[in-house]
Amino acid sequence: MAILVLTNENEETVFTLDNETSIIGRKADCDIILRDKQVSKYHAKVLKDGPQYRIEDMESRNGTCVNGKRIKRVLLREGDRIKLAETVLLVYHVNEMQQTAKRIRRDSLK
């Protein structure tokens, strides 16, 4: 299962991508609610596309970028950095368990 990780100054919030489509925005009916005035009410959506996920901008006012490039739609890959407007940064991970295993392998190589 894929996740998005939002990192703020003092905390991380993990959003699990459980649905076929997850809407990101400010409105209370979004699947991932972000309380930032720069983020549109319905800013972007993440869709399951076979075994992968893709993100699509929902014609937001301030745009969606993946790895520094403004996008309309793109397939997500492990570690992609998703920027909404100017202030919100999410990081895409294919699987939370895989992330833990990668950290353990990296640490054991030191």
PDB file of N, CA and C in Angstrom:
ATOM      1  N   MET A   1       0.841  -1.184   0.000  1.00  0.00           N
ATOM      2  CA  MET A   1       0.000   0.000   0.000  1.00  0.00           C
ATOM      3  C   MET A   1       0.883   1.242   0.000  1.00  0.00           C
ATOM      4  N   ALA A   2       0.543   2.214  -0.788  1.00  0.00           N
ATOM      5  CA  ALA A   2       1.334   3.434  -0.922  1.00  0.00           C
ATOM      6  C   ALA A   2       0.928   4.452   0.139  1.00  0.00           C
ATOM      7  N   ILE A   3       1.858   5.341   0.446  1.00  0.00           N
ATOM      8  CA  ILE A   3       1.615   6.398   1.422  1.00  0.00           C
ATOM      9  C   ILE A   3       2.166   7.721   0.911  1.00  0.00           C
ATOM     10  N   LEU A   4       1.630   8.807   1.472  1.00  0.00           N
ATOM     11  CA  LEU A   4       2.194  10.139   1.306  1.00  0.00           C
ATOM     12  C   LEU A   4       2.591  10.606   2.700  1.00  0.00           C
ATOM     13  N   VAL A   5       3.766  11.206   2.816  1.00  0.00           N
ATOM     14  CA  VAL A   5       4.247  11.686   4.108  1.00  0.00           C
ATOM     15  C   VAL A   5       4.373  13.202   4.035  1.00  0.00           C
ATOM     16  N   LEU A   6       3.678  13.878   4.947  1.00  0.00           N
ATOM     17  CA  LEU A   6       3.740  15.329   5.088  1.00  0.00           C
ATOM     18  C   LEU A   6       4.648  15.624   6.268  1.00  0.00           C
ATOM     19  N   THR A   7       5.689  16.409   6.044  1.00  0.00           N
ATOM     20  CA  THR A   7       6.610  16.754   7.120  1.00  0.00           C
ATOM     21  C   THR A   7       6.483  18.235   7.422  1.00  0.00           C
ATOM     22  N   ASN A   8       6.135  18.532   8.661  1.00  0.00           N
ATOM     23  CA  ASN A   8       6.098  19.911   9.145  1.00  0.00           C
ATOM     24  C   ASN A   8       7.308  20.127  10.033  1.00  0.00           C
ATOM     25  N   GLU A   9       7.376  21.273  10.670  1.00  0.00           N
ATOM     26  CA  GLU A   9       8.531  21.605  11.501  1.00  0.00           C
ATOM     27  C   GLU A   9       8.836  20.526  12.534  1.00  0.00           C
ATOM     28  N   ASN A  10       7.815  20.064  13.268  1.00  0.00           N
ATOM     29  CA  ASN A  10       8.066  19.164  14.384  1.00  0.00           C
ATOM     30  C   ASN A  10       7.416  17.791  14.256  1.00  0.00           C
ATOM     31  N   GLU A  11       6.724  17.521  13.152  1.00  0.00           N
ATOM     32  CA  GLU A  11       6.017  16.254  13.074  1.00  0.00           C
ATOM     33  C   GLU A  11       5.875  15.762  11.642  1.00  0.00           C
ATOM     34  N   GLU A  12       5.636  14.470  11.536  1.00  0.00           N
ATOM     35  CA  GLU A  12       5.338  13.839  10.252  1.00  0.00           C
ATOM     36  C   GLU A  12       3.922  13.309  10.312  1.00  0.00           C
ATOM     37  N   THR A  13       3.183  13.490   9.231  1.00  0.00           N
ATOM     38  CA  THR A  13       1.847  12.910   9.121  1.00  0.00           C
ATOM     39  C   THR A  13       1.868  11.966   7.932  1.00  0.00           C
ATOM     40  N   VAL A  14       1.399  10.743   8.159  1.00  0.00           N
ATOM     41  CA  VAL A  14       1.380   9.733   7.104  1.00  0.00           C
ATOM     42  C   VAL A  14      -0.056   9.556   6.630  1.00  0.00           C
ATOM     43  N   PHE A  15      -0.251   9.674   5.331  1.00  0.00           N
ATOM     44  CA  PHE A  15      -1.556   9.459   4.712  1.00  0.00           C
ATOM     45  C   PHE A  15      -1.470   8.176   3.895  1.00  0.00           C
ATOM     46  N   THR A  16      -2.303   7.213   4.217  1.00  0.00           N
ATOM     47  CA  THR A  16      -2.339   5.953   3.483  1.00  0.00           C
ATOM     48  C   THR A  16      -3.276   6.108   2.297  1.00  0.00           C
ATOM     49  N   LEU A  17      -2.841   5.674   1.146  1.00  0.00           N
ATOM     50  CA  LEU A  17      -3.655   5.768  -0.065  1.00  0.00           C
ATOM     51  C   LEU A  17      -4.512   4.500  -0.172  1.00  0.00           C
ATOM     52  N   ASP A  18      -5.624   4.495   0.571  1.00  0.00           N
ATOM     53  CA  ASP A  18      -6.506   3.329   0.661  1.00  0.00           C
ATOM     54  C   ASP A  18      -7.490   3.232  -0.494  1.00  0.00           C
ATOM     55  N   ASN A  19      -7.887   4.366  -1.036  1.00  0.00           N
ATOM     56  CA  ASN A  19      -8.955   4.401  -2.042  1.00  0.00           C
ATOM     57  C   ASN A  19      -8.383   4.351  -3.456  1.00  0.00           C
ATOM     58  N   GLU A  20      -9.239   4.039  -4.404  1.00  0.00           N
ATOM     59  CA  GLU A  20      -8.853   4.091  -5.817  1.00  0.00           C
ATOM     60  C   GLU A  20      -8.481   5.518  -6.218  1.00  0.00           C
ATOM     61  N   THR A  21      -9.184   6.491  -5.617  1.00  0.00           N
ATOM     62  CA  THR A  21      -8.911   7.912  -5.847  1.00  0.00           C
ATOM     63  C   THR A  21      -8.888   8.626  -4.504  1.00  0.00           C
ATOM     64  N   SER A  22      -7.854   9.397  -4.247  1.00  0.00           N
ATOM     65  CA  SER A  22      -7.734  10.198  -3.029  1.00  0.00           C
ATOM     66  C   SER A  22      -7.609  11.658  -3.428  1.00  0.00           C
ATOM     67  N   ILE A  23      -8.554  12.467  -2.973  1.00  0.00           N
ATOM     68  CA  ILE A  23      -8.551  13.902  -3.279  1.00  0.00           C
ATOM     69  C   ILE A  23      -7.774  14.638  -2.185  1.00  0.00           C
ATOM     70  N   ILE A  24      -6.897  15.550  -2.622  1.00  0.00           N
ATOM     71  CA  ILE A  24      -6.100  16.383  -1.712  1.00  0.00           C
ATOM     72  C   ILE A  24      -6.585  17.817  -1.840  1.00  0.00           C
ATOM     73  N   GLY A  25      -6.859  18.467  -0.705  1.00  0.00           N
ATOM     74  CA  GLY A  25      -7.293  19.863  -0.740  1.00  0.00           C
ATOM     75  C   GLY A  25      -7.661  20.380   0.637  1.00  0.00           C
ATOM     76  N   ARG A  26      -8.272  21.571   0.659  1.00  0.00           N
ATOM     77  CA  ARG A  26      -8.649  22.219   1.916  1.00  0.00           C
ATOM     78  C   ARG A  26     -10.047  21.839   2.409  1.00  0.00           C
ATOM     79  N   LYS A  27     -10.930  21.391   1.529  1.00  0.00           N
ATOM     80  CA  LYS A  27     -12.329  21.125   1.902  1.00  0.00           C
ATOM     81  C   LYS A  27     -12.437  19.923   2.834  1.00  0.00           C
ATOM     82  N   ALA A  28     -13.441  19.973   3.689  1.00  0.00           N
ATOM     83  CA  ALA A  28     -13.648  18.925   4.687  1.00  0.00           C
ATOM     84  C   ALA A  28     -13.959  17.565   4.064  1.00  0.00           C
ATOM     85  N   ASP A  29     -14.460  17.535   2.832  1.00  0.00           N
ATOM     86  CA  ASP A  29     -14.787  16.252   2.215  1.00  0.00           C
ATOM     87  C   ASP A  29     -13.629  15.645   1.416  1.00  0.00           C
ATOM     88  N   CYS A  30     -12.457  16.262   1.474  1.00  0.00           N
ATOM     89  CA  CYS A  30     -11.282  15.691   0.809  1.00  0.00           C
ATOM     90  C   CYS A  30     -10.769  14.498   1.612  1.00  0.00           C
ATOM     91  N   ASP A  31     -10.111  13.579   0.935  1.00  0.00           N
ATOM     92  CA  ASP A  31      -9.512  12.430   1.615  1.00  0.00           C
ATOM     93  C   ASP A  31      -8.279  12.845   2.405  1.00  0.00           C
ATOM     94  N   ILE A  32      -7.509  13.774   1.858  1.00  0.00           N
ATOM     95  CA  ILE A  32      -6.328  14.325   2.529  1.00  0.00           C
ATOM     96  C   ILE A  32      -6.555  15.821   2.652  1.00  0.00           C
ATOM     97  N   ILE A  33      -6.821  16.263   3.880  1.00  0.00           N
ATOM     98  CA  ILE A  33      -7.151  17.669   4.133  1.00  0.00           C
ATOM     99  C   ILE A  33      -5.887  18.404   4.570  1.00  0.00           C
ATOM    100  N   LEU A  34      -5.569  19.474   3.857  1.00  0.00           N
ATOM    101  CA  LEU A  34      -4.411  20.304   4.172  1.00  0.00           C
ATOM    102  C   LEU A  34      -4.886  21.710   4.507  1.00  0.00           C
ATOM    103  N   ARG A  35      -4.546  22.158   5.672  1.00  0.00           N
ATOM    104  CA  ARG A  35      -4.993  23.467   6.139  1.00  0.00           C
ATOM    105  C   ARG A  35      -3.964  24.532   5.772  1.00  0.00           C
ATOM    106  N   ASP A  36      -3.972  24.910   4.521  1.00  0.00           N
ATOM    107  CA  ASP A  36      -3.055  25.925   4.009  1.00  0.00           C
ATOM    108  C   ASP A  36      -3.816  26.737   2.968  1.00  0.00           C
ATOM    109  N   LYS A  37      -3.855  28.046   3.140  1.00  0.00           N
ATOM    110  CA  LYS A  37      -4.644  28.898   2.244  1.00  0.00           C
ATOM    111  C   LYS A  37      -4.128  28.891   0.807  1.00  0.00           C
ATOM    112  N   GLN A  38      -2.883  28.494   0.595  1.00  0.00           N
ATOM    113  CA  GLN A  38      -2.326  28.419  -0.755  1.00  0.00           C
ATOM    114  C   GLN A  38      -2.834  27.181  -1.509  1.00  0.00           C
ATOM    115  N   VAL A  39      -3.302  26.186  -0.751  1.00  0.00           N
ATOM    116  CA  VAL A  39      -3.816  24.954  -1.345  1.00  0.00           C
ATOM    117  C   VAL A  39      -5.271  25.186  -1.747  1.00  0.00           C
ATOM    118  N   SER A  40      -5.636  24.764  -2.949  1.00  0.00           N
ATOM    119  CA  SER A  40      -7.015  24.927  -3.432  1.00  0.00           C
ATOM    120  C   SER A  40      -7.967  24.011  -2.665  1.00  0.00           C
ATOM    121  N   LYS A  41      -9.252  24.333  -2.727  1.00  0.00           N
ATOM    122  CA  LYS A  41     -10.261  23.505  -2.056  1.00  0.00           C
ATOM    123  C   LYS A  41     -10.160  22.065  -2.529  1.00  0.00           C
ATOM    124  N   TYR A  42     -10.014  21.855  -3.824  1.00  0.00           N
ATOM    125  CA  TYR A  42      -9.769  20.549  -4.430  1.00  0.00           C
ATOM    126  C   TYR A  42      -8.533  20.725  -5.297  1.00  0.00           C
ATOM    127  N   HIS A  43      -7.375  20.410  -4.755  1.00  0.00           N
ATOM    128  CA  HIS A  43      -6.105  20.782  -5.379  1.00  0.00           C
ATOM    129  C   HIS A  43      -5.598  19.719  -6.355  1.00  0.00           C
ATOM    130  N   ALA A  44      -5.535  18.472  -5.894  1.00  0.00           N
ATOM    131  CA  ALA A  44      -4.985  17.386  -6.713  1.00  0.00           C
ATOM    132  C   ALA A  44      -5.641  16.074  -6.305  1.00  0.00           C
ATOM    133  N   LYS A  45      -5.471  15.069  -7.165  1.00  0.00           N
ATOM    134  CA  LYS A  45      -5.972  13.746  -6.793  1.00  0.00           C
ATOM    135  C   LYS A  45      -4.922  12.714  -7.139  1.00  0.00           C
ATOM    136  N   VAL A  46      -4.872  11.675  -6.295  1.00  0.00           N
ATOM    137  CA  VAL A  46      -3.975  10.547  -6.512  1.00  0.00           C
ATOM    138  C   VAL A  46      -4.856   9.365  -6.868  1.00  0.00           C
ATOM    139  N   LEU A  47      -4.548   8.739  -8.004  1.00  0.00           N
ATOM    140  CA  LEU A  47      -5.368   7.639  -8.509  1.00  0.00           C
ATOM    141  C   LEU A  47      -4.549   6.359  -8.602  1.00  0.00           C
ATOM    142  N   LYS A  48      -5.162   5.255  -8.221  1.00  0.00           N
ATOM    143  CA  LYS A  48      -4.523   3.953  -8.402  1.00  0.00           C
ATOM    144  C   LYS A  48      -4.595   3.622  -9.888  1.00  0.00           C
ATOM    145  N   ASP A  49      -3.462   3.259 -10.460  1.00  0.00           N
ATOM    146  CA  ASP A  49      -3.369   2.977 -11.893  1.00  0.00           C
ATOM    147  C   ASP A  49      -2.680   1.618 -12.032  1.00  0.00           C
ATOM    148  N   GLY A  50      -3.463   0.546 -11.917  1.00  0.00           N
ATOM    149  CA  GLY A  50      -2.887  -0.800 -11.872  1.00  0.00           C
ATOM    150  C   GLY A  50      -2.109  -0.945 -10.585  1.00  0.00           C
ATOM    151  N   PRO A  51      -0.844  -1.372 -10.664  1.00  0.00           N
ATOM    152  CA  PRO A  51      -0.035  -1.503  -9.446  1.00  0.00           C
ATOM    153  C   PRO A  51       0.613  -0.190  -9.012  1.00  0.00           C
ATOM    154  N   GLN A  52       0.448   0.855  -9.804  1.00  0.00           N
ATOM    155  CA  GLN A  52       1.074   2.140  -9.521  1.00  0.00           C
ATOM    156  C   GLN A  52       0.023   3.184  -9.140  1.00  0.00           C
ATOM    157  N   TYR A  53       0.527   4.385  -8.801  1.00  0.00           N
ATOM    158  CA  TYR A  53      -0.337   5.523  -8.523  1.00  0.00           C
ATOM    159  C   TYR A  53       0.106   6.679  -9.396  1.00  0.00           C
ATOM    160  N   ARG A  54      -0.845   7.528  -9.747  1.00  0.00           N
ATOM    161  CA  ARG A  54      -0.504   8.752 -10.466  1.00  0.00           C
ATOM    162  C   ARG A  54      -1.173   9.921  -9.754  1.00  0.00           C
ATOM    163  N   ILE A  55      -0.613  11.085  -9.940  1.00  0.00           N
ATOM    164  CA  ILE A  55      -1.188  12.295  -9.361  1.00  0.00           C
ATOM    165  C   ILE A  55      -1.603  13.215 -10.499  1.00  0.00           C
ATOM    166  N   GLU A  56      -2.735  13.875 -10.317  1.00  0.00           N
ATOM    167  CA  GLU A  56      -3.248  14.826 -11.304  1.00  0.00           C
ATOM    168  C   GLU A  56      -3.607  16.122 -10.595  1.00  0.00           C
ATOM    169  N   ASP A  57      -3.175  17.224 -11.171  1.00  0.00           N
ATOM    170  CA  ASP A  57      -3.588  18.533 -10.681  1.00  0.00           C
ATOM    171  C   ASP A  57      -5.052  18.747 -11.070  1.00  0.00           C
ATOM    172  N   MET A  58      -5.843  19.312 -10.173  1.00  0.00           N
ATOM    173  CA  MET A  58      -7.264  19.528 -10.442  1.00  0.00           C
ATOM    174  C   MET A  58      -7.526  20.992 -10.809  1.00  0.00           C
ATOM    175  N   GLU A  59      -6.686  21.507 -11.712  1.00  0.00           N
ATOM    176  CA  GLU A  59      -6.774  22.900 -12.139  1.00  0.00           C
ATOM    177  C   GLU A  59      -6.681  23.861 -10.957  1.00  0.00           C
ATOM    178  N   SER A  60      -5.761  23.535 -10.065  1.00  0.00           N
ATOM    179  CA  SER A  60      -5.555  24.357  -8.871  1.00  0.00           C
ATOM    180  C   SER A  60      -4.979  25.711  -9.264  1.00  0.00           C
ATOM    181  N   ARG A  61      -5.222  26.681  -8.441  1.00  0.00           N
ATOM    182  CA  ARG A  61      -4.740  28.034  -8.722  1.00  0.00           C
ATOM    183  C   ARG A  61      -3.221  28.128  -8.629  1.00  0.00           C
ATOM    184  N   ASN A  62      -2.627  27.442  -7.638  1.00  0.00           N
ATOM    185  CA  ASN A  62      -1.192  27.576  -7.413  1.00  0.00           C
ATOM    186  C   ASN A  62      -0.362  26.401  -7.902  1.00  0.00           C
ATOM    187  N   GLY A  63      -0.989  25.426  -8.522  1.00  0.00           N
ATOM    188  CA  GLY A  63      -0.260  24.354  -9.181  1.00  0.00           C
ATOM    189  C   GLY A  63       0.243  23.232  -8.294  1.00  0.00           C
ATOM    190  N   THR A  64       0.650  22.160  -8.978  1.00  0.00           N
ATOM    191  CA  THR A  64       1.218  20.975  -8.352  1.00  0.00           C
ATOM    192  C   THR A  64       2.529  20.669  -9.054  1.00  0.00           C
ATOM    193  N   CYS A  65       3.578  20.424  -8.282  1.00  0.00           N
ATOM    194  CA  CYS A  65       4.879  20.076  -8.836  1.00  0.00           C
ATOM    195  C   CYS A  65       5.319  18.719  -8.295  1.00  0.00           C
ATOM    196  N   VAL A  66       5.981  17.949  -9.130  1.00  0.00           N
ATOM    197  CA  VAL A  66       6.600  16.699  -8.711  1.00  0.00           C
ATOM    198  C   VAL A  66       8.076  16.801  -9.060  1.00  0.00           C
ATOM    199  N   ASN A  67       8.897  16.677  -8.031  1.00  0.00           N
ATOM    200  CA  ASN A  67      10.357  16.787  -8.188  1.00  0.00           C
ATOM    201  C   ASN A  67      10.758  18.078  -8.901  1.00  0.00           C
ATOM    202  N   GLY A  68      10.083  19.164  -8.539  1.00  0.00           N
ATOM    203  CA  GLY A  68      10.444  20.477  -9.051  1.00  0.00           C
ATOM    204  C   GLY A  68       9.837  20.864 -10.382  1.00  0.00           C
ATOM    205  N   LYS A  69       9.068  19.967 -11.006  1.00  0.00           N
ATOM    206  CA  LYS A  69       8.455  20.283 -12.306  1.00  0.00           C
ATOM    207  C   LYS A  69       6.946  20.362 -12.158  1.00  0.00           C
ATOM    208  N   ARG A  70       6.388  21.448 -12.678  1.00  0.00           N
ATOM    209  CA  ARG A  70       4.934  21.605 -12.633  1.00  0.00           C
ATOM    210  C   ARG A  70       4.287  20.539 -13.520  1.00  0.00           C
ATOM    211  N   ILE A  71       3.244  19.916 -13.003  1.00  0.00           N
ATOM    212  CA  ILE A  71       2.623  18.805 -13.727  1.00  0.00           C
ATOM    213  C   ILE A  71       1.117  19.009 -13.882  1.00  0.00           C
ATOM    214  N   LYS A  72       0.566  18.309 -14.840  1.00  0.00           N
ATOM    215  CA  LYS A  72      -0.888  18.148 -14.959  1.00  0.00           C
ATOM    216  C   LYS A  72      -1.233  16.737 -14.486  1.00  0.00           C
ATOM    217  N   ARG A  73      -0.392  15.764 -14.904  1.00  0.00           N
ATOM    218  CA  ARG A  73      -0.596  14.357 -14.542  1.00  0.00           C
ATOM    219  C   ARG A  73       0.740  13.637 -14.687  1.00  0.00           C
ATOM    220  N   VAL A  74       1.058  12.761 -13.714  1.00  0.00           N
ATOM    221  CA  VAL A  74       2.303  12.005 -13.793  1.00  0.00           C
ATOM    222  C   VAL A  74       2.197  10.752 -12.917  1.00  0.00           C
ATOM    223  N   LEU A  75       2.851   9.658 -13.373  1.00  0.00           N
ATOM    224  CA  LEU A  75       2.963   8.460 -12.546  1.00  0.00           C
ATOM    225  C   LEU A  75       3.953   8.744 -11.429  1.00  0.00           C
ATOM    226  N   LEU A  76       3.633   8.280 -10.239  1.00  0.00           N
ATOM    227  CA  LEU A  76       4.507   8.506  -9.093  1.00  0.00           C
ATOM    228  C   LEU A  76       5.495   7.357  -8.947  1.00  0.00           C
ATOM    229  N   ARG A  77       6.703   7.715  -8.499  1.00  0.00           N
ATOM    230  CA  ARG A  77       7.743   6.726  -8.217  1.00  0.00           C
ATOM    231  C   ARG A  77       8.240   6.929  -6.792  1.00  0.00           C
ATOM    232  N   GLU A  78       8.799   5.893  -6.242  1.00  0.00           N
ATOM    233  CA  GLU A  78       9.318   5.919  -4.873  1.00  0.00           C
ATOM    234  C   GLU A  78      10.154   7.173  -4.623  1.00  0.00           C
ATOM    235  N   GLY A  79       9.821   7.891  -3.549  1.00  0.00           N
ATOM    236  CA  GLY A  79      10.596   9.061  -3.145  1.00  0.00           C
ATOM    237  C   GLY A  79      10.239  10.354  -3.853  1.00  0.00           C
ATOM    238  N   ASP A  80       9.277  10.326  -4.775  1.00  0.00           N
ATOM    239  CA  ASP A  80       8.880  11.561  -5.452  1.00  0.00           C
ATOM    240  C   ASP A  80       8.436  12.604  -4.433  1.00  0.00           C
ATOM    241  N   ARG A  81       8.863  13.836  -4.690  1.00  0.00           N
ATOM    242  CA  ARG A  81       8.523  14.963  -3.803  1.00  0.00           C
ATOM    243  C   ARG A  81       7.433  15.776  -4.491  1.00  0.00           C
ATOM    244  N   ILE A  82       6.293  15.849  -3.833  1.00  0.00           N
ATOM    245  CA  ILE A  82       5.111  16.522  -4.378  1.00  0.00           C
ATOM    246  C   ILE A  82       4.939  17.845  -3.648  1.00  0.00           C
ATOM    247  N   LYS A  83       4.953  18.927  -4.411  1.00  0.00           N
ATOM    248  CA  LYS A  83       4.784  20.250  -3.813  1.00  0.00           C
ATOM    249  C   LYS A  83       3.452  20.827  -4.281  1.00  0.00           C
ATOM    250  N   LEU A  84       2.624  21.199  -3.325  1.00  0.00           N
ATOM    251  CA  LEU A  84       1.342  21.828  -3.608  1.00  0.00           C
ATOM    252  C   LEU A  84       1.453  23.291  -3.244  1.00  0.00           C
ATOM    253  N   ALA A  85       1.147  24.165  -4.186  1.00  0.00           N
ATOM    254  CA  ALA A  85       1.304  25.608  -4.001  1.00  0.00           C
ATOM    255  C   ALA A  85       2.771  25.885  -3.663  1.00  0.00           C
ATOM    256  N   GLU A  86       3.020  26.763  -2.730  1.00  0.00           N
ATOM    257  CA  GLU A  86       4.397  27.111  -2.377  1.00  0.00           C
ATOM    258  C   GLU A  86       4.832  26.539  -1.041  1.00  0.00           C
ATOM    259  N   THR A  87       3.903  25.939  -0.294  1.00  0.00           N
ATOM    260  CA  THR A  87       4.239  25.642   1.092  1.00  0.00           C
ATOM    261  C   THR A  87       4.116  24.186   1.511  1.00  0.00           C
ATOM    262  N   VAL A  88       3.355  23.377   0.811  1.00  0.00           N
ATOM    263  CA  VAL A  88       3.104  22.011   1.272  1.00  0.00           C
ATOM    264  C   VAL A  88       3.959  21.029   0.488  1.00  0.00           C
ATOM    265  N   LEU A  89       4.697  20.191   1.195  1.00  0.00           N
ATOM    266  CA  LEU A  89       5.533  19.187   0.564  1.00  0.00           C
ATOM    267  C   LEU A  89       5.156  17.804   1.082  1.00  0.00           C
ATOM    268  N   LEU A  90       4.799  16.926   0.162  1.00  0.00           N
ATOM    269  CA  LEU A  90       4.500  15.535   0.478  1.00  0.00           C
ATOM    270  C   LEU A  90       5.540  14.662  -0.218  1.00  0.00           C
ATOM    271  N   VAL A  91       5.884  13.548   0.393  1.00  0.00           N
ATOM    272  CA  VAL A  91       6.796  12.599  -0.233  1.00  0.00           C
ATOM    273  C   VAL A  91       6.047  11.287  -0.414  1.00  0.00           C
ATOM    274  N   TYR A  92       6.121  10.737  -1.624  1.00  0.00           N
ATOM    275  CA  TYR A  92       5.423   9.497  -1.975  1.00  0.00           C
ATOM    276  C   TYR A  92       6.317   8.297  -1.681  1.00  0.00           C
ATOM    277  N   HIS A  93       5.743   7.308  -1.016  1.00  0.00           N
ATOM    278  CA  HIS A  93       6.442   6.052  -0.782  1.00  0.00           C
ATOM    279  C   HIS A  93       5.540   4.919  -1.223  1.00  0.00           C
ATOM    280  N   VAL A  94       6.119   3.957  -1.898  1.00  0.00           N
ATOM    281  CA  VAL A  94       5.353   2.841  -2.425  1.00  0.00           C
ATOM    282  C   VAL A  94       4.755   2.027  -1.292  1.00  0.00           C
ATOM    283  N   ASN A  95       5.495   1.837  -0.214  1.00  0.00           N
ATOM    284  CA  ASN A  95       5.033   0.967   0.847  1.00  0.00           C
ATOM    285  C   ASN A  95       5.759   1.329   2.132  1.00  0.00           C
ATOM    286  N   GLU A  96       5.016   1.522   3.199  1.00  0.00           N
ATOM    287  CA  GLU A  96       5.620   1.885   4.477  1.00  0.00           C
ATOM    288  C   GLU A  96       6.561   0.788   4.966  1.00  0.00           C
ATOM    289  N   MET A  97       6.200  -0.470   4.766  1.00  0.00           N
ATOM    290  CA  MET A  97       7.053  -1.585   5.184  1.00  0.00           C
ATOM    291  C   MET A  97       8.349  -1.601   4.373  1.00  0.00           C
ATOM    292  N   GLN A  98       8.269  -1.296   3.078  1.00  0.00           N
ATOM    293  CA  GLN A  98       9.473  -1.242   2.251  1.00  0.00           C
ATOM    294  C   GLN A  98      10.396  -0.138   2.740  1.00  0.00           C
ATOM    295  N   GLN A  99       9.824   0.996   3.141  1.00  0.00           N
ATOM    296  CA  GLN A  99      10.639   2.097   3.639  1.00  0.00           C
ATOM    297  C   GLN A  99      11.399   1.680   4.882  1.00  0.00           C
ATOM    298  N   THR A 100      10.749   0.958   5.793  1.00  0.00           N
ATOM    299  CA  THR A 100      11.410   0.491   7.008  1.00  0.00           C
ATOM    300  C   THR A 100      12.537  -0.464   6.649  1.00  0.00           C
ATOM    301  N   ALA A 101      12.292  -1.393   5.723  1.00  0.00           N
ATOM    302  CA  ALA A 101      13.320  -2.350   5.301  1.00  0.00           C
ATOM    303  C   ALA A 101      14.512  -1.637   4.673  1.00  0.00           C
ATOM    304  N   LYS A 102      14.260  -0.611   3.860  1.00  0.00           N
ATOM    305  CA  LYS A 102      15.354   0.137   3.239  1.00  0.00           C
ATOM    306  C   LYS A 102      16.210   0.819   4.293  1.00  0.00           C
ATOM    307  N   ARG A 103      15.555   1.401   5.318  1.00  0.00           N
ATOM    308  CA  ARG A 103      16.300   2.058   6.389  1.00  0.00           C
ATOM    309  C   ARG A 103      17.168   1.039   7.135  1.00  0.00           C
ATOM    310  N   ILE A 104      16.617  -0.147   7.409  1.00  0.00           N
ATOM    311  CA  ILE A 104      17.365  -1.176   8.128  1.00  0.00           C
ATOM    312  C   ILE A 104      18.556  -1.635   7.297  1.00  0.00           C
ATOM    313  N   ARG A 105      18.374  -1.876   5.992  1.00  0.00           N
ATOM    314  CA  ARG A 105      19.470  -2.293   5.135  1.00  0.00           C
ATOM    315  C   ARG A 105      20.563  -1.225   5.079  1.00  0.00           C
ATOM    316  N   ARG A 106      20.159   0.041   4.931  1.00  0.00           N
ATOM    317  CA  ARG A 106      21.137   1.126   4.880  1.00  0.00           C
ATOM    318  C   ARG A 106      21.935   1.187   6.174  1.00  0.00           C
ATOM    319  N   ASP A 107      21.230   1.078   7.311  1.00  0.00           N
ATOM    320  CA  ASP A 107      21.900   1.156   8.611  1.00  0.00           C
ATOM    321  C   ASP A 107      22.864  -0.015   8.817  1.00  0.00           C
ATOM    322  N   SER A 108      22.513  -1.197   8.311  1.00  0.00           N
ATOM    323  CA  SER A 108      23.380  -2.366   8.505  1.00  0.00           C
ATOM    324  C   SER A 108      24.639  -2.287   7.649  1.00  0.00           C
ATOM    325  N   LEU A 109      24.628  -1.481   6.606  1.00  0.00           N
ATOM    326  CA  LEU A 109      25.797  -1.336   5.740  1.00  0.00           C
ATOM    327  C   LEU A 109      26.836  -0.372   6.312  1.00  0.00           C
ATOM    328  N   LYS A 110      26.456   0.380   7.311  1.00  0.00           N
ATOM    329  CA  LYS A 110      27.378   1.381   7.895  1.00  0.00           C
ATOM    330  C   LYS A 110      28.435   0.730   8.740  1.00  0.00           C
TER     331      LYS A 110
END
